[in-house]
Amino acid sequence: MRLESTYLDSFDPISMEEALSGTTIRHVQLARGRFLGKLLSIQTGQYRLNYGKYNLPLHAEGAMLDDLITVGFILDGVGDYNVNGRITEKPAPVVLRESAELDFFMAPRTEWMALQVKRSALEGLGVSPENHSDSLVNIPGSVAMEARESMRRAVAELRAISVGGNAILSPGTYSERILS
């Protein structure tokens, strides 16, 4: 398992791209002011998890990875979002196939999470990506809010582990903390 945590105290699009598990997503700051951001990237086996939180609005665009499906979730922010030409409110999930294009206008104080997984792993769970187009997924508000809170707890635990001193990070440590 590889875990990287990045804190930004100014807008640095090159560091942002590098921190997001090898993506080619380009970022543009859309408002004046001092940019602050947090990025978290975890890679284990055939799974990748990326998390980001930014104080200012951004535009992110580029291609998703060639070999992974992206299941993203807009957790929070102030205002509406535009994902691939569709206006949405938070919390909102989005599914993007391998190599799909992302065109994401983020509101101020955006907080997001994206799980990237191999097609075979989804198919092993009985989910066929061929049955779904690249799109925003409509889910009931109460379910979305519950999912958002679960993801926030998971990210908080990952952050705690990532700064936990000299302890060696292991999947077992993360699992124990999340499940306790």
N, C-alpha and C. Protein backbone atom coordinates (compact mmCIF):
# COMPACT_ATOMS: atom_id res chain seq x y z
N MET A 1 0.85 -1.17 0.00
CA MET A 1 0.00 0.00 0.00
C MET A 1 0.90 1.23 0.00
N ARG A 2 0.55 2.19 -0.84
CA ARG A 2 1.26 3.46 -0.89
C ARG A 2 0.29 4.57 -0.52
N LEU A 3 0.67 5.41 0.41
CA LEU A 3 -0.17 6.52 0.88
C LEU A 3 0.63 7.80 0.77
N GLU A 4 0.06 8.79 0.09
CA GLU A 4 0.70 10.10 -0.03
C GLU A 4 -0.27 11.17 0.41
N SER A 5 0.23 12.11 1.19
CA SER A 5 -0.58 13.22 1.66
C SER A 5 0.13 14.51 1.26
N THR A 6 -0.61 15.43 0.63
CA THR A 6 -0.03 16.68 0.15
C THR A 6 -0.87 17.85 0.64
N TYR A 7 -0.20 18.83 1.23
CA TYR A 7 -0.87 20.06 1.64
C TYR A 7 -0.32 21.18 0.78
N LEU A 8 -1.20 21.97 0.20
CA LEU A 8 -0.80 23.06 -0.69
C LEU A 8 -1.14 24.39 -0.03
N ASP A 9 -0.15 25.30 0.03
CA ASP A 9 -0.43 26.63 0.55
C ASP A 9 -0.32 27.68 -0.55
N SER A 10 -0.31 27.21 -1.80
CA SER A 10 -0.41 28.07 -2.98
C SER A 10 -0.82 27.16 -4.14
N PHE A 11 -1.31 27.76 -5.20
CA PHE A 11 -1.77 26.97 -6.34
C PHE A 11 -0.57 26.39 -7.06
N ASP A 12 -0.52 25.08 -7.17
CA ASP A 12 0.60 24.38 -7.80
C ASP A 12 0.03 23.23 -8.64
N PRO A 13 -0.37 23.52 -9.88
CA PRO A 13 -1.02 22.49 -10.69
C PRO A 13 -0.15 21.28 -10.99
N ILE A 14 1.15 21.45 -11.05
CA ILE A 14 2.03 20.31 -11.32
C ILE A 14 2.01 19.35 -10.13
N SER A 15 2.11 19.88 -8.92
CA SER A 15 2.05 19.02 -7.73
C SER A 15 0.69 18.34 -7.61
N MET A 16 -0.37 19.05 -7.99
CA MET A 16 -1.71 18.48 -7.92
C MET A 16 -1.83 17.29 -8.87
N GLU A 17 -1.33 17.44 -10.07
CA GLU A 17 -1.40 16.34 -11.04
C GLU A 17 -0.58 15.15 -10.57
N GLU A 18 0.61 15.40 -10.07
CA GLU A 18 1.48 14.32 -9.59
C GLU A 18 0.88 13.59 -8.39
N ALA A 19 0.19 14.33 -7.52
CA ALA A 19 -0.37 13.74 -6.30
C ALA A 19 -1.57 12.85 -6.59
N LEU A 20 -2.19 13.00 -7.73
CA LEU A 20 -3.43 12.27 -8.02
C LEU A 20 -3.17 10.97 -8.78
N SER A 21 -2.30 10.16 -8.25
CA SER A 21 -2.08 8.79 -8.73
C SER A 21 -1.86 8.69 -10.22
N GLY A 22 -1.01 9.54 -10.78
CA GLY A 22 -0.62 9.39 -12.17
C GLY A 22 -1.64 9.85 -13.19
N THR A 23 -2.60 10.66 -12.80
CA THR A 23 -3.58 11.14 -13.76
C THR A 23 -2.96 12.24 -14.63
N THR A 24 -3.68 12.64 -15.65
CA THR A 24 -3.26 13.76 -16.48
C THR A 24 -4.32 14.85 -16.41
N ILE A 25 -4.80 15.11 -15.23
CA ILE A 25 -5.83 16.12 -15.00
C ILE A 25 -5.14 17.48 -14.81
N ARG A 26 -5.53 18.44 -15.64
CA ARG A 26 -4.99 19.79 -15.55
C ARG A 26 -5.94 20.65 -14.72
N HIS A 27 -5.38 21.53 -13.90
CA HIS A 27 -6.16 22.38 -13.01
C HIS A 27 -5.91 23.85 -13.31
N VAL A 28 -6.98 24.65 -13.22
CA VAL A 28 -6.89 26.10 -13.39
C VAL A 28 -7.65 26.74 -12.23
N GLN A 29 -7.00 27.68 -11.55
CA GLN A 29 -7.64 28.40 -10.46
C GLN A 29 -8.59 29.43 -11.06
N LEU A 30 -9.83 29.50 -10.56
CA LEU A 30 -10.86 30.35 -11.16
C LEU A 30 -11.17 31.61 -10.37
N ALA A 31 -10.51 31.83 -9.25
CA ALA A 31 -10.78 33.04 -8.45
C ALA A 31 -9.46 33.54 -7.86
N ARG A 32 -9.43 34.82 -7.59
CA ARG A 32 -8.25 35.41 -6.97
C ARG A 32 -8.18 34.99 -5.51
N GLY A 33 -6.98 35.05 -4.98
CA GLY A 33 -6.80 34.77 -3.56
C GLY A 33 -5.76 33.70 -3.34
N ARG A 34 -5.44 33.49 -2.08
CA ARG A 34 -4.46 32.47 -1.72
C ARG A 34 -5.12 31.09 -1.75
N PHE A 35 -4.58 30.25 -2.55
CA PHE A 35 -5.11 28.89 -2.71
C PHE A 35 -4.58 28.01 -1.59
N LEU A 36 -5.49 27.23 -0.97
CA LEU A 36 -5.14 26.23 0.03
C LEU A 36 -5.78 24.93 -0.38
N GLY A 37 -5.04 23.84 -0.26
CA GLY A 37 -5.60 22.55 -0.65
C GLY A 37 -4.99 21.40 0.11
N LYS A 38 -5.73 20.31 0.15
CA LYS A 38 -5.28 19.05 0.75
C LYS A 38 -5.55 17.96 -0.27
N LEU A 39 -4.58 17.09 -0.47
CA LEU A 39 -4.74 15.94 -1.36
C LEU A 39 -4.26 14.70 -0.63
N LEU A 40 -4.97 13.62 -0.86
CA LEU A 40 -4.61 12.34 -0.28
C LEU A 40 -4.74 11.31 -1.38
N SER A 41 -3.73 10.47 -1.53
CA SER A 41 -3.75 9.44 -2.56
C SER A 41 -3.29 8.12 -1.96
N ILE A 42 -4.08 7.09 -2.15
CA ILE A 42 -3.76 5.75 -1.64
C ILE A 42 -3.83 4.79 -2.81
N GLN A 43 -2.83 3.95 -2.93
CA GLN A 43 -2.85 2.91 -3.96
C GLN A 43 -2.51 1.58 -3.31
N THR A 44 -3.37 0.61 -3.57
CA THR A 44 -3.12 -0.75 -3.09
C THR A 44 -3.66 -1.72 -4.13
N GLY A 45 -2.81 -2.57 -4.62
CA GLY A 45 -3.24 -3.55 -5.62
C GLY A 45 -3.90 -2.89 -6.81
N GLN A 46 -5.12 -3.32 -7.10
CA GLN A 46 -5.82 -2.79 -8.26
C GLN A 46 -6.76 -1.64 -7.91
N TYR A 47 -6.60 -1.03 -6.73
CA TYR A 47 -7.45 0.07 -6.31
C TYR A 47 -6.63 1.33 -6.06
N ARG A 48 -7.22 2.47 -6.37
CA ARG A 48 -6.64 3.76 -6.04
C ARG A 48 -7.75 4.62 -5.44
N LEU A 49 -7.41 5.37 -4.43
CA LEU A 49 -8.35 6.31 -3.83
C LEU A 49 -7.68 7.67 -3.81
N ASN A 50 -8.37 8.67 -4.33
CA ASN A 50 -7.88 10.04 -4.30
C ASN A 50 -8.92 10.90 -3.59
N TYR A 51 -8.42 11.86 -2.82
CA TYR A 51 -9.27 12.78 -2.08
C TYR A 51 -8.69 14.17 -2.22
N GLY A 52 -9.56 15.17 -2.36
CA GLY A 52 -9.10 16.54 -2.44
C GLY A 52 -10.05 17.50 -1.76
N LYS A 53 -9.49 18.58 -1.25
CA LYS A 53 -10.29 19.65 -0.65
C LYS A 53 -9.58 20.95 -0.97
N TYR A 54 -10.34 21.92 -1.57
CA TYR A 54 -9.76 23.18 -2.01
C TYR A 54 -10.60 24.34 -1.51
N ASN A 55 -9.97 25.46 -1.18
CA ASN A 55 -10.73 26.61 -0.70
C ASN A 55 -11.29 27.47 -1.83
N LEU A 56 -10.64 27.50 -2.99
CA LEU A 56 -11.07 28.34 -4.10
C LEU A 56 -11.64 27.49 -5.24
N PRO A 57 -12.46 28.09 -6.10
CA PRO A 57 -13.01 27.33 -7.22
C PRO A 57 -11.92 26.98 -8.24
N LEU A 58 -12.05 25.81 -8.83
CA LEU A 58 -11.09 25.31 -9.81
C LEU A 58 -11.81 24.73 -11.00
N HIS A 59 -11.09 24.64 -12.10
CA HIS A 59 -11.53 23.87 -13.26
C HIS A 59 -10.51 22.75 -13.44
N ALA A 60 -10.99 21.51 -13.50
CA ALA A 60 -10.14 20.35 -13.72
C ALA A 60 -10.60 19.66 -14.99
N GLU A 61 -9.65 19.38 -15.88
CA GLU A 61 -10.04 18.69 -17.11
C GLU A 61 -8.89 17.81 -17.58
N GLY A 62 -9.30 16.72 -18.22
CA GLY A 62 -8.33 15.78 -18.76
C GLY A 62 -8.93 14.39 -18.82
N ALA A 63 -8.09 13.45 -19.23
CA ALA A 63 -8.54 12.07 -19.41
C ALA A 63 -8.30 11.25 -18.14
N MET A 64 -9.25 10.38 -17.86
CA MET A 64 -9.09 9.43 -16.78
C MET A 64 -8.04 8.39 -17.21
N LEU A 65 -7.59 7.60 -16.27
CA LEU A 65 -6.59 6.57 -16.57
C LEU A 65 -7.14 5.54 -17.55
N ASP A 66 -6.26 5.01 -18.38
CA ASP A 66 -6.65 4.06 -19.43
C ASP A 66 -7.15 2.73 -18.89
N ASP A 67 -6.65 2.32 -17.72
CA ASP A 67 -6.93 0.97 -17.25
C ASP A 67 -7.84 0.91 -16.02
N LEU A 68 -8.40 2.05 -15.59
CA LEU A 68 -9.22 2.06 -14.39
C LEU A 68 -10.53 2.81 -14.61
N ILE A 69 -11.59 2.31 -13.99
CA ILE A 69 -12.88 3.00 -13.96
C ILE A 69 -12.86 3.91 -12.73
N THR A 70 -13.39 5.11 -12.86
CA THR A 70 -13.41 6.07 -11.76
C THR A 70 -14.83 6.22 -11.23
N VAL A 71 -14.98 6.01 -9.92
CA VAL A 71 -16.23 6.28 -9.24
C VAL A 71 -15.94 7.45 -8.30
N GLY A 72 -16.45 8.62 -8.67
CA GLY A 72 -16.16 9.83 -7.92
C GLY A 72 -17.36 10.28 -7.12
N PHE A 73 -17.09 11.14 -6.14
CA PHE A 73 -18.16 11.63 -5.28
C PHE A 73 -17.83 13.05 -4.86
N ILE A 74 -18.71 14.00 -5.18
CA ILE A 74 -18.58 15.37 -4.70
C ILE A 74 -19.16 15.39 -3.29
N LEU A 75 -18.32 15.63 -2.31
CA LEU A 75 -18.75 15.55 -0.92
C LEU A 75 -19.33 16.85 -0.40
N ASP A 76 -18.70 17.97 -0.76
CA ASP A 76 -19.15 19.23 -0.17
C ASP A 76 -18.62 20.40 -0.98
N GLY A 77 -19.10 21.57 -0.65
CA GLY A 77 -18.68 22.81 -1.29
C GLY A 77 -19.79 23.84 -1.19
N VAL A 78 -19.52 25.04 -1.73
CA VAL A 78 -20.48 26.12 -1.66
C VAL A 78 -20.95 26.41 -3.08
N GLY A 79 -22.18 26.01 -3.41
CA GLY A 79 -22.71 26.28 -4.74
C GLY A 79 -22.86 25.02 -5.57
N ASP A 80 -23.17 25.26 -6.84
CA ASP A 80 -23.37 24.15 -7.78
C ASP A 80 -22.05 23.78 -8.46
N TYR A 81 -22.07 22.63 -9.09
CA TYR A 81 -20.92 22.09 -9.80
C TYR A 81 -21.34 21.82 -11.23
N ASN A 82 -20.36 21.82 -12.12
CA ASN A 82 -20.59 21.44 -13.50
C ASN A 82 -19.64 20.30 -13.81
N VAL A 83 -20.21 19.11 -14.03
CA VAL A 83 -19.41 17.94 -14.35
C VAL A 83 -19.80 17.49 -15.75
N ASN A 84 -18.84 17.60 -16.66
CA ASN A 84 -19.05 17.20 -18.05
C ASN A 84 -20.32 17.81 -18.64
N GLY A 85 -20.51 19.10 -18.36
CA GLY A 85 -21.62 19.83 -18.94
C GLY A 85 -22.94 19.73 -18.20
N ARG A 86 -22.96 19.03 -17.09
CA ARG A 86 -24.20 18.90 -16.31
C ARG A 86 -24.04 19.59 -14.97
N ILE A 87 -25.00 20.45 -14.66
CA ILE A 87 -25.01 21.16 -13.37
C ILE A 87 -25.55 20.21 -12.32
N THR A 88 -24.88 20.17 -11.18
CA THR A 88 -25.34 19.31 -10.09
C THR A 88 -25.06 19.99 -8.75
N GLU A 89 -25.77 19.56 -7.75
CA GLU A 89 -25.52 19.99 -6.38
C GLU A 89 -24.76 18.88 -5.67
N LYS A 90 -24.22 19.19 -4.51
CA LYS A 90 -23.56 18.15 -3.75
C LYS A 90 -24.56 17.53 -2.77
N PRO A 91 -24.37 16.38 -2.23
CA PRO A 91 -23.38 15.40 -2.66
C PRO A 91 -23.83 14.72 -3.94
N ALA A 92 -22.89 14.41 -4.81
CA ALA A 92 -23.24 13.81 -6.09
C ALA A 92 -22.16 12.82 -6.53
N PRO A 93 -22.56 11.60 -6.85
CA PRO A 93 -21.59 10.64 -7.39
C PRO A 93 -21.52 10.74 -8.92
N VAL A 94 -20.38 10.35 -9.48
CA VAL A 94 -20.20 10.32 -10.93
C VAL A 94 -19.37 9.07 -11.26
N VAL A 95 -19.70 8.42 -12.36
CA VAL A 95 -18.98 7.22 -12.81
C VAL A 95 -18.38 7.53 -14.17
N LEU A 96 -17.08 7.29 -14.31
CA LEU A 96 -16.37 7.52 -15.57
C LEU A 96 -15.61 6.26 -15.97
N ARG A 97 -15.84 5.81 -17.19
CA ARG A 97 -15.13 4.63 -17.70
C ARG A 97 -13.66 4.93 -17.94
N GLU A 98 -12.92 3.89 -18.26
CA GLU A 98 -11.51 4.02 -18.60
C GLU A 98 -11.36 5.05 -19.73
N SER A 99 -10.37 5.91 -19.62
CA SER A 99 -10.01 6.92 -20.63
C SER A 99 -11.08 8.00 -20.84
N ALA A 100 -12.15 8.01 -20.05
CA ALA A 100 -13.20 9.02 -20.22
C ALA A 100 -12.63 10.40 -19.93
N GLU A 101 -13.22 11.39 -20.55
CA GLU A 101 -12.81 12.78 -20.33
C GLU A 101 -13.56 13.35 -19.12
N LEU A 102 -12.85 14.13 -18.33
CA LEU A 102 -13.44 14.84 -17.20
C LEU A 102 -13.33 16.32 -17.48
N ASP A 103 -14.43 17.04 -17.28
CA ASP A 103 -14.47 18.50 -17.39
C ASP A 103 -15.28 18.97 -16.18
N PHE A 104 -14.59 19.37 -15.11
CA PHE A 104 -15.19 19.56 -13.79
C PHE A 104 -14.92 20.99 -13.30
N PHE A 105 -16.00 21.79 -13.20
CA PHE A 105 -15.91 23.12 -12.60
C PHE A 105 -16.32 22.98 -11.14
N MET A 106 -15.36 23.23 -10.24
CA MET A 106 -15.59 23.05 -8.81
C MET A 106 -15.93 24.38 -8.15
N ALA A 107 -16.89 24.32 -7.27
CA ALA A 107 -17.30 25.48 -6.48
C ALA A 107 -16.26 25.75 -5.39
N PRO A 108 -16.32 26.92 -4.75
CA PRO A 108 -15.44 27.15 -3.61
C PRO A 108 -15.66 26.10 -2.51
N ARG A 109 -14.59 25.79 -1.80
CA ARG A 109 -14.59 24.83 -0.70
C ARG A 109 -15.03 23.44 -1.13
N THR A 110 -14.67 23.07 -2.34
CA THR A 110 -14.99 21.72 -2.83
C THR A 110 -14.22 20.67 -2.06
N GLU A 111 -14.93 19.60 -1.76
CA GLU A 111 -14.33 18.41 -1.16
C GLU A 111 -14.82 17.23 -1.98
N TRP A 112 -13.89 16.40 -2.48
CA TRP A 112 -14.27 15.30 -3.37
C TRP A 112 -13.44 14.06 -3.05
N MET A 113 -13.94 12.94 -3.55
CA MET A 113 -13.24 11.66 -3.40
C MET A 113 -13.46 10.85 -4.67
N ALA A 114 -12.44 10.10 -5.10
CA ALA A 114 -12.58 9.26 -6.29
C ALA A 114 -11.90 7.92 -6.05
N LEU A 115 -12.64 6.86 -6.28
CA LEU A 115 -12.10 5.50 -6.23
C LEU A 115 -11.88 5.05 -7.66
N GLN A 116 -10.68 4.59 -7.96
CA GLN A 116 -10.37 4.08 -9.28
C GLN A 116 -10.09 2.59 -9.15
N VAL A 117 -10.75 1.82 -10.00
CA VAL A 117 -10.70 0.37 -9.86
C VAL A 117 -10.66 -0.29 -11.23
N LYS A 118 -10.02 -1.42 -11.29
CA LYS A 118 -9.99 -2.19 -12.55
C LYS A 118 -11.37 -2.75 -12.85
N ARG A 119 -11.68 -2.82 -14.10
CA ARG A 119 -12.96 -3.36 -14.57
C ARG A 119 -13.19 -4.76 -14.00
N SER A 120 -12.15 -5.59 -13.97
CA SER A 120 -12.30 -6.96 -13.49
C SER A 120 -12.74 -7.01 -12.03
N ALA A 121 -12.30 -6.03 -11.22
CA ALA A 121 -12.70 -6.00 -9.81
C ALA A 121 -14.18 -5.68 -9.69
N LEU A 122 -14.68 -4.75 -10.50
CA LEU A 122 -16.11 -4.44 -10.48
C LEU A 122 -16.93 -5.62 -10.96
N GLU A 123 -16.47 -6.23 -12.04
CA GLU A 123 -17.19 -7.39 -12.57
C GLU A 123 -17.21 -8.53 -11.57
N GLY A 124 -16.12 -8.67 -10.77
CA GLY A 124 -16.07 -9.68 -9.73
C GLY A 124 -17.10 -9.45 -8.64
N LEU A 125 -17.54 -8.20 -8.49
CA LEU A 125 -18.58 -7.86 -7.52
C LEU A 125 -19.97 -7.92 -8.14
N GLY A 126 -20.03 -8.30 -9.42
CA GLY A 126 -21.32 -8.41 -10.10
C GLY A 126 -21.79 -7.11 -10.72
N VAL A 127 -20.91 -6.11 -10.83
CA VAL A 127 -21.26 -4.82 -11.44
C VAL A 127 -20.69 -4.81 -12.85
N SER A 128 -21.56 -4.60 -13.82
CA SER A 128 -21.11 -4.55 -15.21
C SER A 128 -21.03 -3.10 -15.66
N PRO A 129 -19.82 -2.57 -15.88
CA PRO A 129 -19.68 -1.19 -16.33
C PRO A 129 -20.33 -0.95 -17.69
N GLU A 130 -20.53 -1.97 -18.47
CA GLU A 130 -21.16 -1.80 -19.79
C GLU A 130 -22.61 -1.37 -19.66
N ASN A 131 -23.23 -1.62 -18.50
CA ASN A 131 -24.63 -1.25 -18.30
C ASN A 131 -24.80 0.21 -17.90
N HIS A 132 -23.69 0.92 -17.69
CA HIS A 132 -23.76 2.30 -17.22
C HIS A 132 -22.96 3.19 -18.15
N SER A 133 -23.53 4.33 -18.51
CA SER A 133 -22.77 5.31 -19.29
C SER A 133 -22.03 6.22 -18.33
N ASP A 134 -21.06 6.96 -18.85
CA ASP A 134 -20.37 7.95 -18.03
C ASP A 134 -21.38 9.01 -17.65
N SER A 135 -21.67 9.13 -16.36
CA SER A 135 -22.70 10.09 -16.00
C SER A 135 -22.73 10.36 -14.51
N LEU A 136 -23.45 11.40 -14.18
CA LEU A 136 -23.81 11.63 -12.79
C LEU A 136 -24.85 10.60 -12.42
N VAL A 137 -24.81 10.14 -11.20
CA VAL A 137 -25.75 9.12 -10.74
C VAL A 137 -26.71 9.79 -9.76
N ASN A 138 -27.99 9.65 -10.00
CA ASN A 138 -28.97 10.22 -9.08
C ASN A 138 -29.28 9.22 -7.97
N ILE A 139 -29.05 9.65 -6.73
CA ILE A 139 -29.39 8.81 -5.59
C ILE A 139 -30.17 9.66 -4.60
N PRO A 140 -31.02 9.04 -3.80
CA PRO A 140 -31.83 9.81 -2.84
C PRO A 140 -30.95 10.61 -1.88
N GLY A 141 -31.43 11.79 -1.50
CA GLY A 141 -30.66 12.68 -0.65
C GLY A 141 -30.19 12.07 0.65
N SER A 142 -31.05 11.32 1.34
CA SER A 142 -30.64 10.74 2.64
C SER A 142 -29.55 9.70 2.45
N VAL A 143 -29.61 8.92 1.38
CA VAL A 143 -28.58 7.92 1.10
C VAL A 143 -27.27 8.62 0.76
N ALA A 144 -27.36 9.68 -0.05
CA ALA A 144 -26.17 10.43 -0.42
C ALA A 144 -25.50 11.06 0.80
N MET A 145 -26.30 11.62 1.70
CA MET A 145 -25.75 12.24 2.91
C MET A 145 -25.08 11.20 3.80
N GLU A 146 -25.68 10.05 3.94
CA GLU A 146 -25.09 8.99 4.76
C GLU A 146 -23.77 8.52 4.14
N ALA A 147 -23.75 8.35 2.81
CA ALA A 147 -22.52 7.94 2.13
C ALA A 147 -21.44 9.01 2.30
N ARG A 148 -21.82 10.27 2.21
CA ARG A 148 -20.85 11.36 2.37
C ARG A 148 -20.22 11.31 3.76
N GLU A 149 -21.01 11.11 4.79
CA GLU A 149 -20.47 11.06 6.14
C GLU A 149 -19.56 9.85 6.34
N SER A 150 -19.92 8.71 5.75
CA SER A 150 -19.06 7.52 5.84
C SER A 150 -17.72 7.78 5.17
N MET A 151 -17.75 8.43 4.00
CA MET A 151 -16.50 8.72 3.29
C MET A 151 -15.66 9.71 4.06
N ARG A 152 -16.29 10.69 4.67
CA ARG A 152 -15.53 11.66 5.47
C ARG A 152 -14.83 10.98 6.65
N ARG A 153 -15.52 10.05 7.31
CA ARG A 153 -14.90 9.33 8.43
C ARG A 153 -13.70 8.52 7.93
N ALA A 154 -13.86 7.87 6.78
CA ALA A 154 -12.76 7.07 6.22
C ALA A 154 -11.57 7.96 5.89
N VAL A 155 -11.81 9.13 5.30
CA VAL A 155 -10.72 10.05 4.97
C VAL A 155 -10.05 10.56 6.24
N ALA A 156 -10.82 10.87 7.28
CA ALA A 156 -10.25 11.32 8.54
C ALA A 156 -9.31 10.27 9.12
N GLU A 157 -9.72 9.01 9.05
CA GLU A 157 -8.86 7.93 9.54
C GLU A 157 -7.59 7.80 8.70
N LEU A 158 -7.72 7.93 7.39
CA LEU A 158 -6.54 7.86 6.52
C LEU A 158 -5.58 9.00 6.83
N ARG A 159 -6.11 10.20 7.05
CA ARG A 159 -5.25 11.33 7.39
C ARG A 159 -4.52 11.06 8.71
N ALA A 160 -5.26 10.54 9.71
CA ALA A 160 -4.66 10.26 11.01
C ALA A 160 -3.53 9.24 10.87
N ILE A 161 -3.77 8.22 10.05
CA ILE A 161 -2.74 7.20 9.83
C ILE A 161 -1.54 7.81 9.11
N SER A 162 -1.80 8.69 8.13
CA SER A 162 -0.71 9.24 7.31
C SER A 162 0.22 10.14 8.11
N VAL A 163 -0.25 10.73 9.19
CA VAL A 163 0.59 11.61 10.00
C VAL A 163 0.87 11.00 11.37
N GLY A 164 0.66 9.72 11.52
CA GLY A 164 0.76 9.05 12.81
C GLY A 164 2.17 8.76 13.27
N GLY A 165 3.09 9.65 13.06
CA GLY A 165 4.45 9.45 13.56
C GLY A 165 5.22 8.45 12.73
N ASN A 166 6.02 7.66 13.40
CA ASN A 166 6.89 6.71 12.71
C ASN A 166 6.26 5.34 12.53
N ALA A 167 5.00 5.21 12.87
CA ALA A 167 4.34 3.91 12.73
C ALA A 167 4.29 3.51 11.26
N ILE A 168 4.44 2.25 10.99
CA ILE A 168 4.39 1.75 9.62
C ILE A 168 2.93 1.55 9.24
N LEU A 169 2.54 2.13 8.12
CA LEU A 169 1.17 1.99 7.65
C LEU A 169 0.98 0.61 7.03
N SER A 170 -0.09 -0.05 7.42
CA SER A 170 -0.41 -1.34 6.81
C SER A 170 -1.91 -1.40 6.58
N PRO A 171 -2.35 -2.21 5.60
CA PRO A 171 -3.79 -2.34 5.38
C PRO A 171 -4.52 -2.76 6.65
N GLY A 172 -3.90 -3.60 7.45
CA GLY A 172 -4.54 -4.06 8.68
C GLY A 172 -4.77 -2.92 9.65
N THR A 173 -3.81 -2.00 9.76
CA THR A 173 -3.96 -0.84 10.65
C THR A 173 -5.15 -0.01 10.21
N TYR A 174 -5.23 0.27 8.91
CA TYR A 174 -6.34 1.06 8.40
C TYR A 174 -7.67 0.37 8.65
N SER A 175 -7.74 -0.92 8.36
CA SER A 175 -8.99 -1.67 8.55
C SER A 175 -9.42 -1.66 10.00
N GLU A 176 -8.48 -1.87 10.90
CA GLU A 176 -8.81 -1.89 12.33
C GLU A 176 -9.38 -0.55 12.77
N ARG A 177 -8.78 0.55 12.31
CA ARG A 177 -9.23 1.87 12.74
C ARG A 177 -10.59 2.21 12.15
N ILE A 178 -10.81 1.84 10.89
CA ILE A 178 -12.09 2.14 10.24
C ILE A 178 -13.22 1.32 10.86
N LEU A 179 -12.94 0.05 11.18
CA LEU A 179 -14.00 -0.83 11.67
C LEU A 179 -14.23 -0.70 13.16
N SER A 180 -13.36 -0.02 13.88
CA SER A 180 -13.56 0.09 15.32
C SER A 180 -14.50 1.21 15.68
